[in-house]
Structures are given as C-alpha cells and as structure tokens.
Amino acid sequence: MKPKNKASLELVKACCRALDDKKAADLRVLDVSEQSSITDFLVIATATSDPHLRALRVELEKVIDASKTRIVGIETAQDSGWTVVDAFDVMIHLFSADRRTQYGLENLWKDAVEMSVPRVRVVAKVPVASPQRIWIRLAIRSAVTRSSRPSPSRSRTDSSPGPAPVE
C-alpha cells in the first residue's frame, strides 16, 4: 500500500466538510491508491438538483483554492447530472441521484477501501433556550429599555437647564 500524503488526507477532510455543510447526500470516500495510478481518493456525493450540483462545485472550488491545491480540471456538461473536480490526488464526483445510480461508481471501484467519512466539524452542545425563555428575556429587555427613556410627564419645554454635561 502506498504511503498516504497528509496534505491529500487534509484535502479530503476539507472537501467532505464543505459538501456536508452544503447538504450533499450519501457522501462516500474511497481509497483507490492501490487500484489507480492517477489519483489516491475518490469522494462521491449526491446533489438534490442542478442548482445544488452547481453550488456544491462552487464550494469545492473555494475549498480547494483555499488549501493551495491546484485544480487539474473540472468536467461538467449542461444538464448531465455529473460533475468531476480533479485535484490530482483527490477526485470528487458530484452526481444527481439518478445519474449516480446509473453510473454506479462505487461498483466500478468495489476493490477500493471505503474510508469512513471524516466528521471533522466539532459541534459544541449549546443549550437551546425554550421559546418561553426567549419571550421572557425580550419582555425584560423591553421593560428596561422603556424605563431608561424620559418619562412623558416631564415636558421638554421646561425652562430648567437640566443636568450639567459630564466632561
């Protein structure tokens, strides 16, 4: 087995994170380093529509550019339902659901090692405030704001000079 390039693994993680953030479905990563001489990893994901497919591609371009990795090529045809982003050691295939079933890349690479999709995003558990608590906070904030306004009983036409300016 070829030694894994750490930068390639980091790129796989970044791409998976971006695809997951953009709601790509059925995300899979295949290590094809033993079967392929042109790439080490295949990332395969499903888009829900053509606009979603384009959004996933655009997001991947941003992530790959940010990692200072050169994009070798991007192949997509109008209404094909399939986009390939080639980042040399990492190749990303984005499909519409029907095209993914039709082409069955996972079956073509069945000798590859499937890696668990990197769950890189750390989500801190933050207690969610109930709607009742939010309402109470807003009511308190509103009451405090109202009490800090000048009372309407005191007329602004009053001739008293008022408090001295603070310097």
Foldseek 3Di string as FASTA:
>chain_A
DDDDDPLLVVLLLLLLVLCVVLPWPPWWKWQCVVPDPFAGIEIETEAADPVSLVVSVVSSVVSCVVSVQDFPDWDDDVPPQWIWTHSGHYIYIYGHVVVCVVVVVCVVVVVTDIDDRDPPDDDDDDDDDDPVVVVVVVVVVVVVVVVVDDDPVDDPPDPDPPDDDDD
